Amino acid sequence: MTTPMTEDKKRAFQQVAYIVETARNRAFQKINEELIMMYWQVGEFVNVASKNANYGDSVVDELAEFFQENYADLKDTFPNMSGFSVTNLKYMKRVYLFYNQQDINRHQLGDELENLIFSIPWRHQIEIITKSQNIDQAIFYMQKTIENNWSRSVLMNMIDANLYQTLSCQVLKILRKR
């Protein structure tokens, strides 16, 4: 039979548990960053390959088929990985193009924009680029997601509620009163 745990020992063990949980969260964050960077690079490849006349429009279909035939075990090895379906490959290209549509903004923001892009989970990223009208709006939602640790459903609710537009209007009203 074990002896009852003292409060001091319980607090000490809780500190160890906190250390473990914090390290685990940092590891997940790092994995997410690497995953998004990989998707970014694949999106860039698909974009460039699609422009090449030798590859034609079927590069997405062919790449998806290539992964299905040669790397079908990826889903078993990495169950949280979205995979390389036609749909997801198109999203990879779309994310890459969305953040490269205005080179001026990208060059002005530089590393800050990339840090934001690579800090947001993939499905959050999809929601943001499919519903944002411009990069400024996307940056707003990425920043708010990070600041408030929004789940995807909360992010979707905020986008659907037009939070960006609402706050922009409030700021303009305040500035006009000055």
N, C-alpha and C. Protein backbone atom coordinates (compact mmCIF):
# COMPACT_ATOMS: atom_id res chain seq x y z
N MET A 1 0.84 -1.18 0.00
CA MET A 1 0.00 0.00 0.00
C MET A 1 0.89 1.25 0.00
N THR A 2 0.53 2.21 -0.83
CA THR A 2 1.33 3.43 -0.90
C THR A 2 0.90 4.41 0.18
N THR A 3 1.85 5.21 0.60
CA THR A 3 1.54 6.21 1.62
C THR A 3 0.85 7.39 0.96
N PRO A 4 0.01 8.08 1.70
CA PRO A 4 -0.68 9.24 1.14
C PRO A 4 0.33 10.31 0.72
N MET A 5 0.02 10.98 -0.36
CA MET A 5 0.92 12.00 -0.90
C MET A 5 0.75 13.30 -0.12
N THR A 6 1.87 13.89 0.27
CA THR A 6 1.82 15.18 0.97
C THR A 6 1.50 16.28 -0.04
N GLU A 7 1.03 17.39 0.45
CA GLU A 7 0.71 18.53 -0.42
C GLU A 7 1.97 19.06 -1.10
N ASP A 8 3.09 19.07 -0.39
CA ASP A 8 4.35 19.53 -0.99
C ASP A 8 4.76 18.64 -2.16
N LYS A 9 4.65 17.34 -1.95
CA LYS A 9 5.02 16.40 -3.01
C LYS A 9 4.05 16.54 -4.19
N LYS A 10 2.77 16.72 -3.88
CA LYS A 10 1.78 16.88 -4.95
C LYS A 10 2.09 18.13 -5.78
N ARG A 11 2.43 19.24 -5.12
CA ARG A 11 2.79 20.48 -5.84
C ARG A 11 4.03 20.27 -6.70
N ALA A 12 5.02 19.56 -6.15
CA ALA A 12 6.25 19.29 -6.89
C ALA A 12 5.94 18.45 -8.13
N PHE A 13 5.11 17.43 -7.97
CA PHE A 13 4.75 16.59 -9.11
C PHE A 13 3.95 17.37 -10.14
N GLN A 14 3.11 18.28 -9.69
CA GLN A 14 2.34 19.12 -10.61
C GLN A 14 3.27 20.02 -11.42
N GLN A 15 4.36 20.47 -10.79
CA GLN A 15 5.34 21.28 -11.52
C GLN A 15 6.00 20.45 -12.62
N VAL A 16 6.31 19.21 -12.30
CA VAL A 16 6.90 18.32 -13.31
C VAL A 16 5.89 18.09 -14.44
N ALA A 17 4.65 17.87 -14.09
CA ALA A 17 3.61 17.68 -15.10
C ALA A 17 3.48 18.92 -15.99
N TYR A 18 3.59 20.09 -15.39
CA TYR A 18 3.54 21.34 -16.15
C TYR A 18 4.70 21.42 -17.14
N ILE A 19 5.89 21.03 -16.69
CA ILE A 19 7.07 21.03 -17.56
C ILE A 19 6.84 20.10 -18.75
N VAL A 20 6.33 18.92 -18.48
CA VAL A 20 6.06 17.94 -19.53
C VAL A 20 5.02 18.48 -20.51
N GLU A 21 3.94 19.03 -20.00
CA GLU A 21 2.86 19.56 -20.84
C GLU A 21 3.35 20.73 -21.70
N THR A 22 4.14 21.60 -21.11
CA THR A 22 4.68 22.75 -21.84
C THR A 22 5.59 22.29 -22.98
N ALA A 23 6.47 21.34 -22.68
CA ALA A 23 7.37 20.81 -23.71
C ALA A 23 6.57 20.11 -24.82
N ARG A 24 5.56 19.38 -24.42
CA ARG A 24 4.70 18.69 -25.40
C ARG A 24 4.02 19.69 -26.33
N ASN A 25 3.51 20.77 -25.77
CA ASN A 25 2.86 21.81 -26.58
C ASN A 25 3.84 22.48 -27.53
N ARG A 26 5.07 22.75 -27.05
CA ARG A 26 6.08 23.34 -27.93
C ARG A 26 6.43 22.38 -29.06
N ALA A 27 6.51 21.10 -28.76
CA ALA A 27 6.81 20.10 -29.78
C ALA A 27 5.70 20.06 -30.84
N PHE A 28 4.44 20.08 -30.41
CA PHE A 28 3.33 20.10 -31.36
C PHE A 28 3.38 21.35 -32.22
N GLN A 29 3.71 22.49 -31.61
CA GLN A 29 3.81 23.75 -32.36
C GLN A 29 4.90 23.65 -33.42
N LYS A 30 6.03 23.10 -33.05
CA LYS A 30 7.15 22.95 -33.99
C LYS A 30 6.77 22.01 -35.13
N ILE A 31 6.10 20.91 -34.80
CA ILE A 31 5.65 19.97 -35.83
C ILE A 31 4.68 20.67 -36.78
N ASN A 32 3.76 21.47 -36.23
CA ASN A 32 2.81 22.21 -37.06
C ASN A 32 3.55 23.17 -38.00
N GLU A 33 4.54 23.89 -37.47
CA GLU A 33 5.30 24.83 -38.30
C GLU A 33 5.96 24.10 -39.47
N GLU A 34 6.58 22.96 -39.18
CA GLU A 34 7.26 22.20 -40.23
C GLU A 34 6.25 21.67 -41.25
N LEU A 35 5.11 21.23 -40.79
CA LEU A 35 4.07 20.73 -41.68
C LEU A 35 3.58 21.83 -42.61
N ILE A 36 3.32 23.01 -42.07
CA ILE A 36 2.85 24.14 -42.89
C ILE A 36 3.94 24.57 -43.87
N MET A 37 5.20 24.57 -43.42
CA MET A 37 6.29 24.90 -44.34
C MET A 37 6.36 23.90 -45.49
N MET A 38 6.16 22.62 -45.16
CA MET A 38 6.17 21.59 -46.20
C MET A 38 5.02 21.85 -47.18
N TYR A 39 3.82 22.12 -46.66
CA TYR A 39 2.67 22.41 -47.52
C TYR A 39 2.95 23.63 -48.39
N TRP A 40 3.60 24.63 -47.82
CA TRP A 40 3.96 25.85 -48.55
C TRP A 40 4.87 25.50 -49.73
N GLN A 41 5.89 24.69 -49.46
CA GLN A 41 6.84 24.31 -50.51
C GLN A 41 6.18 23.45 -51.58
N VAL A 42 5.28 22.56 -51.17
CA VAL A 42 4.55 21.76 -52.14
C VAL A 42 3.64 22.68 -52.97
N GLY A 43 3.00 23.65 -52.32
CA GLY A 43 2.16 24.61 -53.04
C GLY A 43 2.96 25.40 -54.05
N GLU A 44 4.17 25.79 -53.68
CA GLU A 44 5.04 26.50 -54.62
C GLU A 44 5.40 25.59 -55.80
N PHE A 45 5.75 24.35 -55.50
CA PHE A 45 6.06 23.39 -56.57
C PHE A 45 4.88 23.23 -57.52
N VAL A 46 3.69 23.02 -56.98
CA VAL A 46 2.50 22.82 -57.80
C VAL A 46 2.24 24.05 -58.66
N ASN A 47 2.43 25.22 -58.09
CA ASN A 47 2.23 26.46 -58.83
C ASN A 47 3.19 26.55 -60.01
N VAL A 48 4.47 26.32 -59.76
CA VAL A 48 5.47 26.41 -60.81
C VAL A 48 5.25 25.32 -61.85
N ALA A 49 4.99 24.10 -61.39
CA ALA A 49 4.79 22.98 -62.32
C ALA A 49 3.54 23.19 -63.17
N SER A 50 2.51 23.79 -62.60
CA SER A 50 1.27 24.04 -63.35
C SER A 50 1.49 25.04 -64.47
N LYS A 51 2.42 25.97 -64.26
CA LYS A 51 2.72 26.98 -65.28
C LYS A 51 3.55 26.41 -66.42
N ASN A 52 4.24 25.31 -66.14
CA ASN A 52 5.10 24.69 -67.15
C ASN A 52 4.23 23.92 -68.14
N ALA A 53 4.35 24.25 -69.40
CA ALA A 53 3.52 23.63 -70.45
C ALA A 53 3.73 22.12 -70.53
N ASN A 54 4.91 21.64 -70.15
CA ASN A 54 5.18 20.20 -70.22
C ASN A 54 4.33 19.43 -69.22
N TYR A 55 4.00 20.04 -68.10
CA TYR A 55 3.22 19.35 -67.09
C TYR A 55 1.72 19.48 -67.34
N GLY A 56 1.33 20.62 -67.87
CA GLY A 56 -0.09 20.84 -68.14
C GLY A 56 -0.91 21.03 -66.88
N ASP A 57 -2.20 21.01 -67.01
CA ASP A 57 -3.11 21.25 -65.90
C ASP A 57 -3.25 20.04 -64.98
N SER A 58 -2.77 18.88 -65.39
CA SER A 58 -3.01 17.67 -64.61
C SER A 58 -1.95 17.42 -63.54
N VAL A 59 -1.06 18.38 -63.30
CA VAL A 59 0.01 18.15 -62.33
C VAL A 59 -0.55 17.80 -60.95
N VAL A 60 -1.63 18.42 -60.55
CA VAL A 60 -2.23 18.14 -59.25
C VAL A 60 -2.75 16.71 -59.20
N ASP A 61 -3.47 16.32 -60.24
CA ASP A 61 -3.99 14.95 -60.29
C ASP A 61 -2.86 13.92 -60.31
N GLU A 62 -1.84 14.20 -61.11
CA GLU A 62 -0.73 13.27 -61.22
C GLU A 62 0.06 13.17 -59.92
N LEU A 63 0.27 14.30 -59.26
CA LEU A 63 1.00 14.29 -57.99
C LEU A 63 0.20 13.55 -56.92
N ALA A 64 -1.11 13.79 -56.87
CA ALA A 64 -1.96 13.08 -55.91
C ALA A 64 -1.90 11.57 -56.18
N GLU A 65 -1.95 11.19 -57.43
CA GLU A 65 -1.87 9.78 -57.80
C GLU A 65 -0.51 9.20 -57.42
N PHE A 66 0.55 9.97 -57.67
CA PHE A 66 1.90 9.54 -57.32
C PHE A 66 2.00 9.24 -55.81
N PHE A 67 1.48 10.15 -55.00
CA PHE A 67 1.53 9.94 -53.54
C PHE A 67 0.66 8.75 -53.13
N GLN A 68 -0.47 8.61 -53.76
CA GLN A 68 -1.35 7.49 -53.44
C GLN A 68 -0.68 6.15 -53.73
N GLU A 69 0.00 6.09 -54.87
CA GLU A 69 0.65 4.84 -55.27
C GLU A 69 1.94 4.56 -54.51
N ASN A 70 2.70 5.60 -54.20
CA ASN A 70 4.03 5.41 -53.63
C ASN A 70 4.14 5.68 -52.14
N TYR A 71 3.19 6.42 -51.60
CA TYR A 71 3.26 6.80 -50.19
C TYR A 71 1.92 6.64 -49.49
N ALA A 72 1.21 5.61 -49.81
CA ALA A 72 -0.11 5.37 -49.22
C ALA A 72 -0.02 5.17 -47.71
N ASP A 73 1.14 4.74 -47.23
CA ASP A 73 1.33 4.50 -45.80
C ASP A 73 1.50 5.78 -45.00
N LEU A 74 1.60 6.93 -45.65
CA LEU A 74 1.75 8.20 -44.91
C LEU A 74 0.61 8.41 -43.93
N LYS A 75 -0.59 8.11 -44.34
CA LYS A 75 -1.76 8.31 -43.47
C LYS A 75 -1.67 7.41 -42.23
N ASP A 76 -1.14 6.20 -42.40
CA ASP A 76 -0.98 5.30 -41.25
C ASP A 76 0.13 5.79 -40.33
N THR A 77 1.22 6.27 -40.93
CA THR A 77 2.36 6.74 -40.15
C THR A 77 2.06 8.06 -39.46
N PHE A 78 1.38 8.96 -40.18
CA PHE A 78 1.05 10.28 -39.66
C PHE A 78 -0.45 10.51 -39.73
N PRO A 79 -1.22 10.00 -38.77
CA PRO A 79 -2.69 10.07 -38.86
C PRO A 79 -3.25 11.49 -38.86
N ASN A 80 -2.52 12.47 -38.30
CA ASN A 80 -3.03 13.84 -38.26
C ASN A 80 -2.67 14.64 -39.51
N MET A 81 -1.92 14.04 -40.39
CA MET A 81 -1.50 14.71 -41.61
C MET A 81 -2.65 14.68 -42.61
N SER A 82 -2.92 15.83 -43.22
CA SER A 82 -4.05 15.94 -44.14
C SER A 82 -3.86 15.13 -45.40
N GLY A 83 -2.64 14.89 -45.80
CA GLY A 83 -2.40 14.06 -46.96
C GLY A 83 -2.22 14.85 -48.23
N PHE A 84 -2.15 14.11 -49.30
CA PHE A 84 -1.85 14.70 -50.59
C PHE A 84 -2.93 14.38 -51.60
N SER A 85 -4.17 14.58 -51.19
CA SER A 85 -5.30 14.41 -52.09
C SER A 85 -5.31 15.56 -53.09
N VAL A 86 -6.07 15.41 -54.14
CA VAL A 86 -6.21 16.48 -55.13
C VAL A 86 -6.68 17.76 -54.44
N THR A 87 -7.68 17.62 -53.58
CA THR A 87 -8.22 18.79 -52.89
C THR A 87 -7.16 19.47 -52.05
N ASN A 88 -6.42 18.70 -51.26
CA ASN A 88 -5.42 19.30 -50.38
C ASN A 88 -4.26 19.90 -51.17
N LEU A 89 -3.87 19.27 -52.26
CA LEU A 89 -2.83 19.84 -53.11
C LEU A 89 -3.28 21.18 -53.70
N LYS A 90 -4.54 21.26 -54.08
CA LYS A 90 -5.06 22.53 -54.59
C LYS A 90 -5.06 23.59 -53.50
N TYR A 91 -5.38 23.19 -52.27
CA TYR A 91 -5.31 24.13 -51.15
C TYR A 91 -3.87 24.59 -50.91
N MET A 92 -2.91 23.69 -51.04
CA MET A 92 -1.51 24.06 -50.86
C MET A 92 -1.12 25.14 -51.85
N LYS A 93 -1.51 24.94 -53.10
CA LYS A 93 -1.23 25.94 -54.13
C LYS A 93 -1.97 27.24 -53.83
N ARG A 94 -3.20 27.12 -53.41
CA ARG A 94 -4.02 28.31 -53.14
C ARG A 94 -3.46 29.13 -51.98
N VAL A 95 -3.00 28.46 -50.93
CA VAL A 95 -2.38 29.17 -49.80
C VAL A 95 -1.12 29.88 -50.29
N TYR A 96 -0.30 29.17 -51.03
CA TYR A 96 0.93 29.77 -51.54
C TYR A 96 0.62 31.00 -52.40
N LEU A 97 -0.33 30.88 -53.31
CA LEU A 97 -0.67 32.01 -54.19
C LEU A 97 -1.31 33.16 -53.42
N PHE A 98 -2.16 32.83 -52.45
CA PHE A 98 -2.85 33.88 -51.70
C PHE A 98 -1.84 34.82 -51.04
N TYR A 99 -0.84 34.26 -50.40
CA TYR A 99 0.13 35.09 -49.69
C TYR A 99 1.22 35.66 -50.59
N ASN A 100 1.19 35.30 -51.86
CA ASN A 100 2.14 35.86 -52.81
C ASN A 100 1.46 36.79 -53.81
N GLN A 101 0.17 37.06 -53.63
CA GLN A 101 -0.55 37.89 -54.59
C GLN A 101 -0.14 39.35 -54.53
N GLN A 102 0.30 39.81 -53.39
CA GLN A 102 0.71 41.21 -53.25
C GLN A 102 2.14 41.22 -52.72
N ASP A 103 3.10 41.18 -53.64
CA ASP A 103 4.50 41.12 -53.24
C ASP A 103 4.89 42.29 -52.35
N ILE A 104 4.28 43.44 -52.56
CA ILE A 104 4.61 44.61 -51.76
C ILE A 104 4.36 44.32 -50.29
N ASN A 105 3.16 43.81 -49.97
CA ASN A 105 2.84 43.48 -48.58
C ASN A 105 3.79 42.43 -48.02
N ARG A 106 4.07 41.41 -48.80
CA ARG A 106 4.94 40.33 -48.31
C ARG A 106 6.32 40.84 -48.00
N HIS A 107 6.86 41.69 -48.88
CA HIS A 107 8.21 42.20 -48.64
C HIS A 107 8.23 43.17 -47.47
N GLN A 108 7.18 43.94 -47.29
CA GLN A 108 7.12 44.87 -46.16
C GLN A 108 7.01 44.11 -44.84
N LEU A 109 6.22 43.06 -44.82
CA LEU A 109 6.02 42.30 -43.59
C LEU A 109 7.13 41.28 -43.35
N GLY A 110 7.70 40.76 -44.43
CA GLY A 110 8.81 39.83 -44.33
C GLY A 110 8.56 38.65 -43.42
N ASP A 111 9.47 38.47 -42.48
CA ASP A 111 9.43 37.32 -41.58
C ASP A 111 8.18 37.30 -40.71
N GLU A 112 7.64 38.48 -40.39
CA GLU A 112 6.43 38.53 -39.55
C GLU A 112 5.29 37.77 -40.20
N LEU A 113 5.10 37.96 -41.50
CA LEU A 113 4.03 37.27 -42.21
C LEU A 113 4.29 35.77 -42.24
N GLU A 114 5.51 35.38 -42.54
CA GLU A 114 5.82 33.95 -42.57
C GLU A 114 5.65 33.31 -41.19
N ASN A 115 6.06 34.02 -40.14
CA ASN A 115 5.86 33.49 -38.78
C ASN A 115 4.38 33.27 -38.50
N LEU A 116 3.54 34.20 -38.93
CA LEU A 116 2.10 34.04 -38.74
C LEU A 116 1.58 32.85 -39.53
N ILE A 117 1.96 32.78 -40.80
CA ILE A 117 1.47 31.70 -41.67
C ILE A 117 1.84 30.35 -41.08
N PHE A 118 3.07 30.21 -40.63
CA PHE A 118 3.55 28.91 -40.16
C PHE A 118 3.14 28.61 -38.72
N SER A 119 2.49 29.56 -38.06
CA SER A 119 2.05 29.35 -36.67
C SER A 119 0.60 28.92 -36.56
N ILE A 120 -0.12 28.98 -37.66
CA ILE A 120 -1.55 28.67 -37.66
C ILE A 120 -1.76 27.25 -38.19
N PRO A 121 -2.58 26.45 -37.52
CA PRO A 121 -2.84 25.09 -38.04
C PRO A 121 -3.40 25.13 -39.47
N TRP A 122 -3.14 24.07 -40.20
CA TRP A 122 -3.50 23.99 -41.62
C TRP A 122 -4.97 24.28 -41.88
N ARG A 123 -5.86 23.65 -41.16
CA ARG A 123 -7.30 23.86 -41.42
C ARG A 123 -7.73 25.28 -41.06
N HIS A 124 -7.09 25.90 -40.07
CA HIS A 124 -7.33 27.32 -39.79
C HIS A 124 -6.92 28.13 -41.03
N GLN A 125 -5.75 27.78 -41.57
CA GLN A 125 -5.22 28.48 -42.74
C GLN A 125 -6.20 28.41 -43.90
N ILE A 126 -6.79 27.24 -44.12
CA ILE A 126 -7.75 27.07 -45.21
C ILE A 126 -8.96 27.98 -44.99
N GLU A 127 -9.48 28.00 -43.78
CA GLU A 127 -10.63 28.87 -43.47
C GLU A 127 -10.28 30.33 -43.72
N ILE A 128 -9.10 30.72 -43.31
CA ILE A 128 -8.70 32.12 -43.45
C ILE A 128 -8.56 32.52 -44.91
N ILE A 129 -7.87 31.73 -45.71
CA ILE A 129 -7.65 32.16 -47.11
C ILE A 129 -8.90 32.03 -47.97
N THR A 130 -9.78 31.10 -47.62
CA THR A 130 -10.98 30.97 -48.44
C THR A 130 -12.03 32.03 -48.12
N LYS A 131 -11.91 32.65 -46.94
CA LYS A 131 -12.93 33.62 -46.54
C LYS A 131 -12.42 35.05 -46.41
N SER A 132 -11.10 35.25 -46.50
CA SER A 132 -10.55 36.60 -46.42
C SER A 132 -10.51 37.23 -47.81
N GLN A 133 -10.79 38.52 -47.84
CA GLN A 133 -10.81 39.22 -49.12
C GLN A 133 -9.43 39.74 -49.51
N ASN A 134 -8.53 39.84 -48.53
CA ASN A 134 -7.19 40.33 -48.82
C ASN A 134 -6.22 39.87 -47.73
N ILE A 135 -4.96 40.15 -47.94
CA ILE A 135 -3.93 39.71 -47.00
C ILE A 135 -4.09 40.39 -45.65
N ASP A 136 -4.46 41.67 -45.64
CA ASP A 136 -4.63 42.38 -44.38
C ASP A 136 -5.69 41.70 -43.50
N GLN A 137 -6.77 41.30 -44.11
CA GLN A 137 -7.82 40.60 -43.37
C GLN A 137 -7.31 39.25 -42.87
N ALA A 138 -6.57 38.54 -43.70
CA ALA A 138 -6.00 37.25 -43.29
C ALA A 138 -5.04 37.43 -42.12
N ILE A 139 -4.20 38.45 -42.20
CA ILE A 139 -3.25 38.73 -41.11
C ILE A 139 -4.00 39.01 -39.83
N PHE A 140 -5.07 39.79 -39.91
CA PHE A 140 -5.88 40.09 -38.74
C PHE A 140 -6.37 38.80 -38.08
N TYR A 141 -6.94 37.91 -38.88
CA TYR A 141 -7.48 36.66 -38.31
C TYR A 141 -6.37 35.73 -37.79
N MET A 142 -5.22 35.73 -38.46
CA MET A 142 -4.11 34.93 -37.94
C MET A 142 -3.63 35.47 -36.59
N GLN A 143 -3.49 36.80 -36.49
CA GLN A 143 -3.05 37.40 -35.24
C GLN A 143 -4.05 37.13 -34.11
N LYS A 144 -5.33 37.29 -34.40
CA LYS A 144 -6.35 37.05 -33.38
C LYS A 144 -6.39 35.58 -32.97
N THR A 145 -6.18 34.69 -33.92
CA THR A 145 -6.15 33.26 -33.61
C THR A 145 -5.02 32.95 -32.64
N ILE A 146 -3.85 33.53 -32.90
CA ILE A 146 -2.70 33.30 -32.03
C ILE A 146 -2.92 33.96 -30.67
N GLU A 147 -3.35 35.21 -30.67
CA GLU A 147 -3.56 35.95 -29.41
C GLU A 147 -4.57 35.26 -28.50
N ASN A 148 -5.64 34.75 -29.10
CA ASN A 148 -6.75 34.22 -28.32
C ASN A 148 -6.83 32.69 -28.31
N ASN A 149 -5.87 32.06 -28.99
CA ASN A 149 -5.83 30.59 -29.05
C ASN A 149 -7.17 30.02 -29.54
N TRP A 150 -7.65 30.61 -30.65
CA TRP A 150 -8.95 30.20 -31.17
C TRP A 150 -8.91 28.80 -31.76
N SER A 151 -9.94 28.05 -31.50
CA SER A 151 -10.15 26.78 -32.21
C SER A 151 -10.63 27.13 -33.61
N ARG A 152 -10.68 26.15 -34.47
CA ARG A 152 -11.16 26.41 -35.83
C ARG A 152 -12.61 26.86 -35.82
N SER A 153 -13.44 26.26 -34.97
CA SER A 153 -14.85 26.65 -34.94
C SER A 153 -15.02 28.09 -34.44
N VAL A 154 -14.22 28.50 -33.49
CA VAL A 154 -14.28 29.90 -33.02
C VAL A 154 -13.82 30.83 -34.14
N LEU A 155 -12.75 30.46 -34.80
CA LEU A 155 -12.27 31.27 -35.93
C LEU A 155 -13.36 31.41 -36.99
N MET A 156 -14.00 30.31 -37.34
CA MET A 156 -15.06 30.35 -38.34
C MET A 156 -16.20 31.26 -37.90
N ASN A 157 -16.56 31.19 -36.62
CA ASN A 157 -17.62 32.06 -36.09
C ASN A 157 -17.22 33.53 -36.19
N MET A 158 -15.96 33.84 -35.88
CA MET A 158 -15.49 35.23 -35.93
C MET A 158 -15.46 35.74 -37.36
N ILE A 159 -15.05 34.88 -38.29
CA ILE A 159 -15.04 35.28 -39.70
C ILE A 159 -16.48 35.49 -40.18
N ASP A 160 -17.37 34.55 -39.84
CA ASP A 160 -18.78 34.65 -40.24
C ASP A 160 -19.45 35.88 -39.63
N ALA A 161 -19.01 36.27 -38.43
CA ALA A 161 -19.57 37.45 -37.77
C ALA A 161 -18.93 38.75 -38.27
N ASN A 162 -18.02 38.64 -39.23
CA ASN A 162 -17.34 39.80 -39.81
C ASN A 162 -16.58 40.62 -38.77
N LEU A 163 -15.88 39.96 -37.88
CA LEU A 163 -15.14 40.67 -36.83
C LEU A 163 -14.18 41.69 -37.41
N TYR A 164 -13.49 41.34 -38.46
CA TYR A 164 -12.53 42.26 -39.10
C TYR A 164 -13.23 43.54 -39.52
N GLN A 165 -14.33 43.40 -40.22
CA GLN A 165 -15.09 44.57 -40.70
C GLN A 165 -15.64 45.37 -39.53
N THR A 166 -16.18 44.68 -38.53
CA THR A 166 -16.77 45.35 -37.37
C THR A 166 -15.73 46.19 -36.64
N LEU A 167 -14.57 45.59 -36.36
CA LEU A 167 -13.53 46.31 -35.65
C LEU A 167 -12.94 47.43 -36.49
N SER A 168 -12.84 47.23 -37.80
CA SER A 168 -12.35 48.28 -38.69
C SER A 168 -13.27 49.49 -38.65
N CYS A 169 -14.57 49.25 -38.67
CA CYS A 169 -15.55 50.34 -38.60
C CYS A 169 -15.46 51.07 -37.26
N GLN A 170 -15.28 50.34 -36.18
CA GLN A 170 -15.17 50.95 -34.85
C GLN A 170 -13.92 51.83 -34.77
N VAL A 171 -12.82 51.38 -35.33
CA VAL A 171 -11.59 52.17 -35.32
C VAL A 171 -11.79 53.44 -36.12
N LEU A 172 -12.45 53.34 -37.27
CA LEU A 172 -12.71 54.55 -38.08
C LEU A 172 -13.58 55.55 -37.33
N LYS A 173 -14.59 55.06 -36.62
CA LYS A 173 -15.44 55.96 -35.84
C LYS A 173 -14.64 56.69 -34.77
N ILE A 174 -13.75 55.97 -34.11
CA ILE A 174 -12.92 56.58 -33.06
C ILE A 174 -12.00 57.63 -33.67
N LEU A 175 -11.42 57.31 -34.80
CA LEU A 175 -10.50 58.26 -35.46
C LEU A 175 -11.24 59.51 -35.92
N ARG A 176 -12.48 59.36 -36.38
CA ARG A 176 -13.27 60.52 -36.84
C ARG A 176 -13.63 61.44 -35.68
N LYS A 177 -13.79 60.89 -34.50
CA LYS A 177 -14.15 61.70 -33.32
C LYS A 177 -12.98 62.57 -32.85
N ARG A 178 -11.77 62.23 -33.21
CA ARG A 178 -10.60 62.98 -32.77
C ARG A 178 -10.48 64.26 -33.44
